[in-house]
Amino acid sequence: MPQTSDDLISEETKNKLLNLLDLHIKKSGFHDKIVQKMEALEVNENVNIEALYKEIYDFMTANMPEEVQDAFFEDVRRIMGNERKHDML
């Protein structure tokens, strides 16, 4: 059975990375842009939640500042490298 990313990354590491990503997004001001986008969307009982989620996800993916991406990927390299070193001991 092939391994998935869930098998390779501990829950603790996932939480660390998500917290760091959140921090980078907030520090860059991108968080405010996401909130503005969400507030601009019209939500009512007839709205397709999956389409709404996809629109927000697409916005985030297309507009994520490069400095946020770079900082987050540096965190991934650092944390995953530390985890590998720990596993080898």
N, C-alpha and C. Protein backbone atom coordinates (compact mmCIF):
# COMPACT_ATOMS: atom_id res chain seq x y z
N MET A 1 0.84 -1.18 0.00
CA MET A 1 0.00 0.00 0.00
C MET A 1 0.89 1.24 0.00
N PRO A 2 0.70 2.18 -0.96
CA PRO A 2 1.57 3.36 -1.04
C PRO A 2 1.33 4.30 0.13
N GLN A 3 2.40 4.99 0.53
CA GLN A 3 2.29 5.95 1.62
C GLN A 3 1.69 7.25 1.11
N THR A 4 0.90 7.88 1.95
CA THR A 4 0.35 9.20 1.63
C THR A 4 1.08 10.22 2.48
N SER A 5 0.85 11.51 2.18
CA SER A 5 1.50 12.55 2.98
C SER A 5 1.06 12.46 4.44
N ASP A 6 -0.16 11.95 4.68
CA ASP A 6 -0.62 11.79 6.06
C ASP A 6 0.24 10.79 6.82
N ASP A 7 0.79 9.81 6.12
CA ASP A 7 1.65 8.82 6.76
C ASP A 7 3.04 9.38 7.05
N LEU A 8 3.47 10.36 6.29
CA LEU A 8 4.83 10.86 6.38
C LEU A 8 5.01 12.01 7.35
N ILE A 9 3.94 12.71 7.68
CA ILE A 9 4.02 13.90 8.53
C ILE A 9 3.17 13.67 9.77
N SER A 10 3.78 13.87 10.92
CA SER A 10 3.04 13.69 12.17
C SER A 10 2.01 14.80 12.34
N GLU A 11 1.04 14.55 13.17
CA GLU A 11 0.00 15.54 13.45
C GLU A 11 0.62 16.80 14.06
N GLU A 12 1.60 16.60 14.93
CA GLU A 12 2.29 17.73 15.57
C GLU A 12 2.99 18.60 14.52
N THR A 13 3.65 17.97 13.55
CA THR A 13 4.34 18.71 12.50
C THR A 13 3.35 19.44 11.61
N LYS A 14 2.25 18.79 11.27
CA LYS A 14 1.21 19.45 10.47
C LYS A 14 0.72 20.71 11.17
N ASN A 15 0.47 20.60 12.47
CA ASN A 15 -0.03 21.75 13.23
C ASN A 15 1.00 22.87 13.27
N LYS A 16 2.28 22.53 13.45
CA LYS A 16 3.35 23.54 13.44
C LYS A 16 3.35 24.28 12.11
N LEU A 17 3.30 23.51 11.02
CA LEU A 17 3.36 24.12 9.69
C LEU A 17 2.13 24.98 9.42
N LEU A 18 0.96 24.52 9.80
CA LEU A 18 -0.25 25.32 9.60
C LEU A 18 -0.20 26.61 10.41
N ASN A 19 0.30 26.53 11.63
CA ASN A 19 0.42 27.74 12.46
C ASN A 19 1.41 28.72 11.85
N LEU A 20 2.52 28.21 11.31
CA LEU A 20 3.51 29.09 10.68
C LEU A 20 2.94 29.72 9.41
N LEU A 21 2.21 28.94 8.62
CA LEU A 21 1.59 29.50 7.42
C LEU A 21 0.62 30.60 7.79
N ASP A 22 -0.19 30.36 8.80
CA ASP A 22 -1.14 31.37 9.27
C ASP A 22 -0.40 32.64 9.71
N LEU A 23 0.69 32.48 10.42
CA LEU A 23 1.49 33.62 10.86
C LEU A 23 2.03 34.42 9.67
N HIS A 24 2.58 33.73 8.67
CA HIS A 24 3.11 34.41 7.48
C HIS A 24 2.01 35.15 6.73
N ILE A 25 0.84 34.53 6.62
CA ILE A 25 -0.28 35.17 5.92
C ILE A 25 -0.70 36.43 6.66
N LYS A 26 -0.77 36.37 7.97
CA LYS A 26 -1.18 37.54 8.75
C LYS A 26 -0.13 38.64 8.70
N LYS A 27 1.16 38.28 8.82
CA LYS A 27 2.23 39.28 8.80
C LYS A 27 2.30 40.00 7.46
N SER A 28 1.97 39.32 6.37
CA SER A 28 2.06 39.92 5.04
C SER A 28 0.88 40.83 4.72
N GLY A 29 -0.19 40.74 5.51
CA GLY A 29 -1.41 41.50 5.21
C GLY A 29 -2.36 40.75 4.28
N PHE A 30 -1.94 39.57 3.81
CA PHE A 30 -2.79 38.80 2.90
C PHE A 30 -4.05 38.31 3.61
N HIS A 31 -3.97 38.08 4.90
CA HIS A 31 -5.14 37.65 5.67
C HIS A 31 -6.29 38.64 5.50
N ASP A 32 -5.97 39.93 5.56
CA ASP A 32 -7.00 40.97 5.41
C ASP A 32 -7.65 40.91 4.03
N LYS A 33 -6.84 40.61 3.00
CA LYS A 33 -7.39 40.50 1.64
C LYS A 33 -8.33 39.29 1.53
N ILE A 34 -7.98 38.21 2.20
CA ILE A 34 -8.84 37.02 2.19
C ILE A 34 -10.17 37.35 2.86
N VAL A 35 -10.11 38.03 3.99
CA VAL A 35 -11.33 38.41 4.71
C VAL A 35 -12.18 39.34 3.85
N GLN A 36 -11.56 40.30 3.18
CA GLN A 36 -12.30 41.21 2.29
C GLN A 36 -12.99 40.43 1.18
N LYS A 37 -12.29 39.46 0.60
CA LYS A 37 -12.86 38.63 -0.46
C LYS A 37 -14.06 37.86 0.07
N MET A 38 -13.92 37.29 1.26
CA MET A 38 -15.01 36.50 1.84
C MET A 38 -16.21 37.39 2.14
N GLU A 39 -15.96 38.60 2.64
CA GLU A 39 -17.05 39.51 2.96
C GLU A 39 -17.77 39.99 1.70
N ALA A 40 -17.06 40.03 0.58
CA ALA A 40 -17.66 40.49 -0.68
C ALA A 40 -18.54 39.42 -1.33
N LEU A 41 -18.37 38.17 -0.93
CA LEU A 41 -19.16 37.09 -1.51
C LEU A 41 -20.57 37.13 -0.94
N GLU A 42 -21.53 36.89 -1.81
CA GLU A 42 -22.92 36.87 -1.36
C GLU A 42 -23.27 35.46 -0.88
N VAL A 43 -23.69 35.39 0.35
CA VAL A 43 -24.04 34.10 0.94
C VAL A 43 -25.51 34.12 1.33
N ASN A 44 -26.23 33.13 0.85
CA ASN A 44 -27.63 32.94 1.24
C ASN A 44 -27.93 31.45 1.20
N GLU A 45 -29.17 31.09 1.47
CA GLU A 45 -29.49 29.66 1.54
C GLU A 45 -29.40 28.96 0.19
N ASN A 46 -29.37 29.71 -0.90
CA ASN A 46 -29.30 29.11 -2.24
C ASN A 46 -27.87 28.94 -2.75
N VAL A 47 -26.91 29.41 -1.99
CA VAL A 47 -25.53 29.38 -2.46
C VAL A 47 -24.97 27.96 -2.36
N ASN A 48 -24.16 27.60 -3.34
CA ASN A 48 -23.49 26.31 -3.35
C ASN A 48 -22.21 26.45 -2.53
N ILE A 49 -22.17 25.83 -1.37
CA ILE A 49 -21.04 25.96 -0.45
C ILE A 49 -19.74 25.47 -1.10
N GLU A 50 -19.81 24.39 -1.85
CA GLU A 50 -18.60 23.87 -2.50
C GLU A 50 -18.05 24.88 -3.51
N ALA A 51 -18.93 25.53 -4.27
CA ALA A 51 -18.50 26.55 -5.23
C ALA A 51 -17.90 27.75 -4.50
N LEU A 52 -18.50 28.11 -3.38
CA LEU A 52 -18.00 29.22 -2.57
C LEU A 52 -16.61 28.90 -2.03
N TYR A 53 -16.45 27.71 -1.50
CA TYR A 53 -15.15 27.27 -0.99
C TYR A 53 -14.11 27.30 -2.11
N LYS A 54 -14.47 26.79 -3.29
CA LYS A 54 -13.54 26.75 -4.42
C LYS A 54 -13.15 28.16 -4.83
N GLU A 55 -14.08 29.09 -4.83
CA GLU A 55 -13.78 30.47 -5.20
C GLU A 55 -12.76 31.08 -4.23
N ILE A 56 -12.95 30.86 -2.95
CA ILE A 56 -12.01 31.39 -1.95
C ILE A 56 -10.66 30.70 -2.08
N TYR A 57 -10.66 29.38 -2.26
CA TYR A 57 -9.41 28.63 -2.43
C TYR A 57 -8.66 29.12 -3.66
N ASP A 58 -9.37 29.27 -4.78
CA ASP A 58 -8.75 29.75 -6.02
C ASP A 58 -8.16 31.15 -5.83
N PHE A 59 -8.89 32.01 -5.12
CA PHE A 59 -8.39 33.36 -4.84
C PHE A 59 -7.09 33.29 -4.04
N MET A 60 -7.09 32.47 -3.00
CA MET A 60 -5.90 32.35 -2.16
C MET A 60 -4.73 31.79 -2.95
N THR A 61 -4.98 30.78 -3.75
CA THR A 61 -3.92 30.14 -4.53
C THR A 61 -3.33 31.11 -5.55
N ALA A 62 -4.19 31.84 -6.23
CA ALA A 62 -3.73 32.74 -7.29
C ALA A 62 -3.07 34.01 -6.76
N ASN A 63 -3.40 34.41 -5.54
CA ASN A 63 -2.95 35.70 -5.04
C ASN A 63 -1.99 35.64 -3.85
N MET A 64 -1.61 34.46 -3.44
CA MET A 64 -0.71 34.33 -2.28
C MET A 64 0.60 35.06 -2.59
N PRO A 65 0.98 36.02 -1.75
CA PRO A 65 2.23 36.75 -1.99
C PRO A 65 3.44 35.81 -2.02
N GLU A 66 4.38 36.13 -2.88
CA GLU A 66 5.56 35.29 -3.03
C GLU A 66 6.36 35.18 -1.73
N GLU A 67 6.41 36.28 -0.96
CA GLU A 67 7.18 36.23 0.29
C GLU A 67 6.54 35.26 1.29
N VAL A 68 5.22 35.10 1.23
CA VAL A 68 4.55 34.14 2.11
C VAL A 68 4.91 32.72 1.67
N GLN A 69 4.86 32.49 0.36
CA GLN A 69 5.22 31.17 -0.16
C GLN A 69 6.66 30.81 0.19
N ASP A 70 7.57 31.77 -0.05
CA ASP A 70 8.99 31.51 0.23
C ASP A 70 9.24 31.22 1.70
N ALA A 71 8.65 32.03 2.58
CA ALA A 71 8.84 31.84 4.02
C ALA A 71 8.26 30.49 4.47
N PHE A 72 7.09 30.14 3.93
CA PHE A 72 6.47 28.88 4.32
C PHE A 72 7.30 27.69 3.83
N PHE A 73 7.77 27.74 2.59
CA PHE A 73 8.57 26.62 2.08
C PHE A 73 9.89 26.49 2.85
N GLU A 74 10.45 27.60 3.30
CA GLU A 74 11.64 27.55 4.14
C GLU A 74 11.32 26.86 5.47
N ASP A 75 10.16 27.17 6.03
CA ASP A 75 9.72 26.49 7.25
C ASP A 75 9.57 24.99 7.02
N VAL A 76 8.97 24.62 5.89
CA VAL A 76 8.78 23.19 5.58
C VAL A 76 10.14 22.50 5.51
N ARG A 77 11.08 23.10 4.78
CA ARG A 77 12.42 22.49 4.67
C ARG A 77 13.07 22.35 6.05
N ARG A 78 13.00 23.39 6.85
CA ARG A 78 13.64 23.39 8.17
C ARG A 78 13.00 22.34 9.09
N ILE A 79 11.69 22.36 9.19
CA ILE A 79 10.99 21.45 10.11
C ILE A 79 11.10 20.00 9.65
N MET A 80 10.92 19.77 8.36
CA MET A 80 11.02 18.40 7.86
C MET A 80 12.46 17.88 7.99
N GLY A 81 13.44 18.76 7.78
CA GLY A 81 14.84 18.38 7.97
C GLY A 81 15.12 18.00 9.41
N ASN A 82 14.60 18.80 10.34
CA ASN A 82 14.77 18.50 11.77
C ASN A 82 14.09 17.19 12.13
N GLU A 83 12.92 16.94 11.55
CA GLU A 83 12.19 15.71 11.85
C GLU A 83 12.96 14.49 11.32
N ARG A 84 13.55 14.62 10.14
CA ARG A 84 14.34 13.51 9.58
C ARG A 84 15.55 13.22 10.45
N LYS A 85 16.24 14.30 10.89
CA LYS A 85 17.41 14.11 11.77
C LYS A 85 17.00 13.38 13.04
N HIS A 86 15.86 13.77 13.59
CA HIS A 86 15.37 13.15 14.83
C HIS A 86 15.05 11.67 14.59
N ASP A 87 14.46 11.35 13.43
CA ASP A 87 14.11 9.97 13.11
C ASP A 87 15.35 9.09 12.94
N MET A 88 16.46 9.70 12.49
CA MET A 88 17.68 8.94 12.23
C MET A 88 18.44 8.61 13.52
N LEU A 89 18.13 9.34 14.60
CA LEU A 89 18.85 9.10 15.87
C LEU A 89 18.40 7.84 16.55
